[in-house]
């Protein structure tokens, strides 16, 4: 079933004001949220520790505050005003510890919790930032959303943790733009990746690794509609069923084929059937399941020493009935 959402990224580099930089940054970002609200977004992403940007003569970590502090309160008021989720990144004080956090605020203005940056930079660690222990994926009313912050993008363990927990959209709040790494993450982990940074080229990548929207200085707000009820599949075996998919479902299922990589994205526009229902009905196999099956077959072949092909039992495909009720993969 369609899980459409309007997602928005805001580019913001700081006010430059030094008398009360946090208040100035929050005030200016609030004005950008007012602008973004014209697109009626379901989610707005803000840059990493946006309230501290442009701070001089003090470390950014000096701006740390609890989730119930003034920054989150101000942004929560905007979430409530515009009935939208907002990702509000701050340096967070919690139980005597310091975290680089992405706070998720719901449509009613309630902070649902925070993702703690799993891989702080060496400089952050020296400044006392505590690493987060795991990814955090939240089931919003339009689909599962995960998070990554800046330096995280260099570590596959963060992306794997988001994939394992079923993230279909990862919000990447950052100081740097990510570039190729952002596209690789989107492709490898099978998710939309929405980035928000202080400078140009914040972007939205689709699960096939393509940039489908960019932010430039000409316009600091970007919004696009996406559908999170999708799955990534390999062409092997599945591709032969494209005619059946088109005949049976027509425009209610979208097929987006990436020929050179041998994969395709299948998205449900069906009013009653989710993509997992459709995969089960057609006995298709998601890419992650296929790769896992191939890995298991390889391990058995290695144990047989490669001498007798008939000694390697074929790895059974995971039955649709067995996968239907389990947590969907993000690939």
Protein backbone atom coordinates (compact mmCIF):
# COMPACT_ATOMS: atom_id res chain seq x y z
CA UNK A 1 0.00 0.00 0.00
CA UNK A 2 1.20 3.47 -0.77
CA UNK A 3 3.22 5.08 2.04
CA UNK A 4 3.75 8.45 0.42
CA UNK A 5 5.46 11.25 2.28
CA UNK A 6 6.60 14.75 1.48
CA UNK A 7 10.14 15.09 2.87
CA UNK A 8 12.03 18.35 3.17
CA UNK A 9 15.65 19.33 3.83
CA UNK A 10 16.81 22.75 5.01
CA UNK A 11 20.27 24.16 4.26
CA UNK A 12 21.56 26.46 6.99
CA UNK A 13 25.07 27.61 7.92
CA UNK A 14 24.51 29.82 10.97
CA UNK A 15 23.53 33.43 11.60
CA UNK A 16 27.03 34.70 12.35
CA UNK A 17 25.67 36.56 15.36
CA UNK A 18 27.87 36.18 18.45
CA UNK A 19 25.92 37.94 21.20
CA UNK A 20 23.36 35.13 21.42
CA UNK A 21 24.16 32.77 18.52
CA UNK A 22 21.93 29.90 19.65
CA UNK A 23 18.84 32.10 19.85
CA UNK A 24 19.68 33.71 16.49
CA UNK A 25 20.18 30.34 14.80
CA UNK A 26 16.95 28.95 16.20
CA UNK A 27 15.10 32.10 15.12
CA UNK A 28 16.45 31.93 11.54
CA UNK A 29 15.84 28.20 11.20
CA UNK A 30 12.30 28.69 12.49
CA UNK A 31 11.76 31.17 9.64
CA UNK A 32 13.05 28.57 7.17
CA UNK A 33 10.65 26.03 8.65
CA UNK A 34 7.85 28.55 7.99
CA UNK A 35 9.00 28.61 4.37
CA UNK A 36 9.24 24.82 4.17
CA UNK A 37 5.71 24.50 5.55
CA UNK A 38 4.36 25.90 2.30
CA UNK A 39 5.17 22.49 0.76
CA UNK A 40 3.08 20.73 3.46
CA UNK A 41 5.91 18.37 4.45
CA UNK A 42 5.54 15.20 6.47
CA UNK A 43 9.14 15.47 7.68
CA UNK A 44 11.70 18.29 7.82
CA UNK A 45 15.42 17.61 8.31
CA UNK A 46 17.81 20.17 9.85
CA UNK A 47 21.65 20.20 9.73
CA UNK A 48 23.91 18.73 12.38
CA UNK A 49 23.90 20.79 15.64
CA UNK A 50 22.30 23.64 13.66
CA UNK A 51 21.86 25.81 16.75
CA UNK A 52 25.65 25.95 17.28
CA UNK A 53 26.67 26.76 13.69
CA UNK A 54 28.84 29.85 13.32
CA UNK A 55 29.88 29.84 16.98
CA UNK A 56 33.33 31.39 17.50
CA UNK A 57 35.81 31.25 20.39
CA UNK A 58 33.88 28.39 22.04
CA UNK A 59 33.62 24.71 21.20
CA UNK A 60 30.34 23.64 19.61
CA UNK A 61 29.88 21.19 22.46
CA UNK A 62 29.49 24.14 24.85
CA UNK A 63 25.97 24.57 23.44
CA UNK A 64 24.79 21.20 24.81
CA UNK A 65 21.35 21.13 26.38
CA UNK A 66 18.81 18.45 27.35
CA UNK A 67 16.00 17.37 25.05
CA UNK A 68 13.57 19.40 27.13
CA UNK A 69 15.75 22.50 26.66
CA UNK A 70 14.93 25.69 24.72
CA UNK A 71 16.11 24.60 21.26
CA UNK A 72 13.97 21.48 21.01
CA UNK A 73 11.06 23.34 22.61
CA UNK A 74 11.17 26.05 19.93
CA UNK A 75 11.40 23.54 17.07
CA UNK A 76 8.70 21.36 18.64
CA UNK A 77 6.35 24.33 18.53
CA UNK A 78 6.91 24.50 14.77
CA UNK A 79 6.28 20.77 14.38
CA UNK A 80 3.00 21.18 16.22
CA UNK A 81 2.06 24.30 14.25
CA UNK A 82 2.59 22.61 10.88
CA UNK A 83 1.65 19.02 11.81
CA UNK A 84 4.99 17.63 10.65
CA UNK A 85 7.84 15.52 11.98
CA UNK A 86 11.10 17.47 12.42
CA UNK A 87 14.60 16.08 12.90
CA UNK A 88 16.26 18.50 15.31
CA UNK A 89 20.02 17.83 15.77
CA UNK A 90 21.72 19.20 18.90
CA UNK A 91 24.56 18.47 21.26
CA UNK A 92 22.59 16.78 24.03
CA UNK A 93 23.17 16.57 27.77
CA UNK A 94 21.75 13.38 29.19
CA UNK A 95 22.38 11.80 32.59
CA UNK A 96 25.75 13.50 32.93
CA UNK A 97 26.89 12.49 29.42
CA UNK A 98 27.32 14.46 26.21
CA UNK A 99 25.98 13.19 22.87
CA UNK A 100 25.80 14.44 19.30
CA UNK A 101 22.10 13.76 18.77
CA UNK A 102 19.31 13.87 16.23
CA UNK A 103 16.05 14.42 18.10
CA UNK A 104 12.88 13.31 16.32
CA UNK A 105 9.84 15.45 17.08
CA UNK A 106 6.42 14.13 16.07
CA UNK A 107 3.52 15.98 14.46
CA UNK A 108 2.07 16.91 17.85
CA UNK A 109 5.33 18.52 18.95
CA UNK A 110 6.42 15.66 21.22
CA UNK A 111 10.10 14.63 21.17
CA UNK A 112 10.04 10.87 20.58
CA UNK A 113 13.68 10.40 21.58
CA UNK A 114 17.08 10.85 19.99
CA UNK A 115 19.59 9.01 17.86
CA UNK A 116 23.10 9.32 19.30
CA UNK A 117 25.89 9.58 16.74
CA UNK A 118 27.53 6.17 16.72
CA UNK A 119 30.87 7.29 15.28
CA UNK A 120 31.93 10.72 16.60
CA UNK A 121 35.14 12.16 15.19
CA UNK A 122 38.34 11.81 17.25
CA UNK A 123 38.01 15.51 18.05
CA UNK A 124 34.52 15.01 19.41
CA UNK A 125 35.63 12.07 21.50
CA UNK A 126 38.43 14.18 22.96
CA UNK A 127 35.83 16.85 23.75
CA UNK A 128 33.83 14.34 25.76
CA UNK A 129 31.19 13.23 23.26
CA UNK A 130 29.89 9.73 24.08
CA UNK A 131 29.32 7.41 21.09
CA UNK A 132 25.87 5.96 20.55
CA UNK A 133 25.63 2.20 20.80
CA UNK A 134 23.19 1.39 17.98
CA UNK A 135 20.98 2.75 15.23
CA UNK A 136 17.51 4.03 16.08
CA UNK A 137 14.70 3.38 13.61
CA UNK A 138 11.28 4.89 14.29
CA UNK A 139 8.02 3.69 12.74
CA UNK A 140 6.39 6.97 11.66
CA UNK A 141 2.91 7.18 10.16
CA UNK A 142 4.44 7.01 6.68
CA UNK A 143 7.12 4.35 7.24
CA UNK A 144 10.31 3.47 9.15
CA UNK A 145 12.86 6.28 9.50
CA UNK A 146 16.49 5.92 10.62
CA UNK A 147 19.31 8.39 11.22
CA UNK A 148 22.98 9.07 10.63
CA UNK A 149 25.10 12.07 11.60
CA UNK A 150 28.11 13.35 9.63
CA UNK A 151 31.15 11.10 10.32
CA UNK A 152 28.80 8.10 10.62
CA UNK A 153 28.66 7.97 6.84
CA UNK A 154 32.21 6.57 6.75
CA UNK A 155 31.29 3.45 8.71
CA UNK A 156 29.27 0.64 7.19
CA UNK A 157 28.25 -0.64 10.62
CA UNK A 158 25.94 2.37 10.98
CA UNK A 159 24.28 1.74 7.62
CA UNK A 160 24.02 -1.99 8.31
CA UNK A 161 22.35 -1.28 11.65
CA UNK A 162 19.78 0.96 9.96
CA UNK A 163 19.13 -1.69 7.29
CA UNK A 164 18.86 -4.44 9.87
CA UNK A 165 16.22 -2.45 11.78
CA UNK A 166 14.22 -1.87 8.58
CA UNK A 167 14.85 1.82 7.79
CA UNK A 168 13.34 2.85 4.45
CA UNK A 169 14.39 6.50 4.87
CA UNK A 170 17.62 7.58 6.57
CA UNK A 171 17.93 11.24 7.58
CA UNK A 172 21.57 12.32 7.33
CA UNK A 173 22.25 15.51 9.32
CA UNK A 174 25.80 16.62 8.70
CA UNK A 175 28.52 19.25 8.54
CA UNK A 176 29.79 17.82 5.25
CA UNK A 177 27.82 16.80 2.20
CA UNK A 178 28.67 13.13 1.84
CA UNK A 179 28.70 13.16 -1.96
CA UNK A 180 29.42 9.73 -3.42
CA UNK A 181 29.22 8.10 0.01
CA UNK A 182 25.60 9.19 0.38
CA UNK A 183 24.68 7.60 -2.96
CA UNK A 184 26.56 4.41 -2.05
CA UNK A 185 24.71 4.20 1.27
CA UNK A 186 21.34 4.62 -0.43
CA UNK A 187 22.17 1.88 -2.95
CA UNK A 188 23.93 -0.58 -0.64
CA UNK A 189 21.42 -0.33 2.20
CA UNK A 190 18.34 0.04 0.01
CA UNK A 191 16.92 3.26 1.46
CA UNK A 192 16.11 6.83 0.60
CA UNK A 193 18.75 9.11 2.10
CA UNK A 194 17.82 12.71 2.88
CA UNK A 195 20.72 14.96 3.82
CA UNK A 196 20.70 18.35 5.48
CA UNK A 197 23.96 20.31 5.69
CA UNK A 198 25.16 23.90 6.19
CA UNK A 199 26.10 24.32 2.52
CA UNK A 200 25.15 23.47 -1.03
CA UNK A 201 24.46 19.94 -2.28
CA UNK A 202 22.34 18.64 0.51
CA UNK A 203 20.35 16.09 -1.42
CA UNK A 204 17.83 13.31 -1.59
CA UNK A 205 19.07 9.97 -2.92
CA UNK A 206 16.74 7.15 -3.93
CA UNK A 207 17.32 3.46 -3.06
CA UNK A 208 18.97 2.90 -6.43
CA UNK A 209 21.70 5.39 -5.51
CA UNK A 210 20.51 8.23 -7.71
CA UNK A 211 20.34 11.87 -6.61
CA UNK A 212 16.76 12.97 -7.26
CA UNK A 213 16.93 16.43 -5.64
CA UNK A 214 19.67 18.89 -4.65
CA UNK A 215 19.85 22.04 -2.54
CA UNK A 216 21.66 25.15 -3.76
CA UNK A 217 22.24 28.61 -2.31
CA UNK A 218 19.56 29.92 -4.65
CA UNK A 219 16.98 28.11 -2.53
CA UNK A 220 17.73 26.82 1.00
CA UNK A 221 14.63 24.58 1.19
CA UNK A 222 13.99 21.43 -0.85
CA UNK A 223 10.93 19.15 -0.76
CA UNK A 224 10.05 15.98 -2.67
CA UNK A 225 7.41 13.26 -2.45
CA UNK A 226 8.55 9.67 -1.92
CA UNK A 227 6.80 6.33 -1.36
CA UNK A 228 8.33 4.13 1.33
CA UNK A 229 6.39 0.98 0.41
CA UNK A 230 9.11 -0.40 -1.85
CA UNK A 231 11.56 -3.28 -2.11
CA UNK A 232 14.85 -3.78 -3.97
CA UNK A 233 15.19 -7.04 -5.88
CA UNK A 234 17.84 -8.62 -8.09
CA UNK A 235 17.02 -9.27 -11.73
CA UNK A 236 18.06 -12.95 -11.43
CA UNK A 237 14.90 -15.11 -11.42
CA UNK A 238 12.73 -12.11 -10.46
CA UNK A 239 13.16 -10.35 -13.80
CA UNK A 240 11.39 -13.12 -15.66
CA UNK A 241 8.21 -12.18 -13.81
CA UNK A 242 8.05 -8.57 -15.01
CA UNK A 243 5.39 -9.36 -17.64
CA UNK A 244 3.26 -11.06 -14.99
CA UNK A 245 3.70 -8.11 -12.61
CA UNK A 246 2.62 -5.64 -15.28
CA UNK A 247 -0.32 -7.78 -16.43
CA UNK A 248 -1.60 -8.42 -12.93
CA UNK A 249 -1.02 -5.05 -11.27
CA UNK A 250 -0.56 -2.48 -14.03
CA UNK A 251 0.09 1.03 -12.67
CA UNK A 252 -0.54 -0.13 -9.10
CA UNK A 253 3.06 -1.44 -9.03
CA UNK A 254 5.96 0.67 -10.27
CA UNK A 255 9.07 -1.05 -11.66
CA UNK A 256 12.29 0.96 -11.80
CA UNK A 257 15.05 -1.09 -13.42
CA UNK A 258 18.78 -0.38 -12.99
CA UNK A 259 20.25 -2.47 -15.79
CA UNK A 260 24.03 -2.16 -15.24
CA UNK A 261 23.72 -3.19 -11.59
CA UNK A 262 21.19 -5.96 -12.31
CA UNK A 263 18.65 -4.77 -9.73
CA UNK A 264 15.25 -3.14 -9.74
CA UNK A 265 13.04 -1.25 -7.34
CA UNK A 266 9.42 -2.31 -7.02
CA UNK A 267 7.01 0.13 -5.36
CA UNK A 268 3.42 -0.53 -4.36
CA UNK A 269 0.76 1.96 -5.37
CA UNK A 270 -1.91 -0.61 -4.58
CA UNK A 271 -4.74 0.61 -2.31
CA UNK A 272 -4.90 -2.69 -0.41
CA UNK A 273 -1.68 -4.68 -0.95
CA UNK A 274 1.70 -3.79 0.53
CA UNK A 275 4.89 -4.52 -1.37
CA UNK A 276 5.47 -7.50 0.94
CA UNK A 277 2.00 -8.83 0.03
CA UNK A 278 2.81 -8.48 -3.67
CA UNK A 279 6.22 -10.16 -3.28
CA UNK A 280 4.57 -13.07 -1.47
CA UNK A 281 1.79 -13.38 -4.06
CA UNK A 282 4.30 -13.56 -6.94
CA UNK A 283 6.90 -15.65 -5.05
CA UNK A 284 9.60 -13.05 -5.60
CA UNK A 285 12.79 -12.76 -3.55
CA UNK A 286 14.20 -9.50 -2.13
CA UNK A 287 17.83 -8.70 -2.89
CA UNK A 288 19.04 -9.26 0.68
CA UNK A 289 17.40 -12.67 0.83
CA UNK A 290 18.92 -13.62 -2.52
CA UNK A 291 22.41 -12.55 -1.46
CA UNK A 292 22.06 -14.44 1.81
CA UNK A 293 20.96 -17.56 -0.07
CA UNK A 294 23.94 -17.21 -2.41
CA UNK A 295 26.32 -16.82 0.54
CA UNK A 296 24.96 -19.94 2.21
CA UNK A 297 25.32 -21.92 -1.02
CA UNK A 298 28.93 -20.73 -1.34
CA UNK A 299 29.72 -21.84 2.21
CA UNK A 300 28.37 -25.31 1.50
CA UNK A 301 30.37 -25.50 -1.72
CA UNK A 302 33.55 -24.58 0.14
CA UNK A 303 32.89 -27.27 2.73
CA UNK A 304 32.60 -29.80 -0.09
CA UNK A 305 36.01 -28.71 -1.36
CA UNK A 306 34.57 -27.85 -4.76
CA UNK A 307 35.05 -31.47 -5.88
CA UNK A 308 31.50 -32.70 -6.28
CA UNK A 309 28.84 -30.33 -7.49
CA UNK A 310 26.12 -32.84 -6.70
CA UNK A 311 27.16 -32.81 -3.05
CA UNK A 312 26.19 -29.16 -2.68
CA UNK A 313 22.52 -29.07 -1.74
CA UNK A 314 20.62 -26.25 -3.34
CA UNK A 315 19.82 -23.51 -0.88
CA UNK A 316 16.04 -23.23 -0.58
CA UNK A 317 14.50 -19.88 -1.25
CA UNK A 318 12.84 -18.36 1.77
CA UNK A 319 9.14 -18.90 1.34
CA UNK A 320 6.93 -15.81 1.04
CA UNK A 321 4.80 -17.12 3.90
CA UNK A 322 7.86 -17.22 6.14
CA UNK A 323 8.92 -13.69 5.28
CA UNK A 324 5.56 -11.98 5.20
CA UNK A 325 5.29 -11.39 8.93
CA UNK A 326 8.91 -10.71 9.69
CA UNK A 327 10.41 -7.22 9.85
CA UNK A 328 10.99 -6.16 6.22
CA UNK A 329 14.54 -5.61 5.07
CA UNK A 330 15.51 -2.14 3.85
CA UNK A 331 17.19 -3.55 0.75
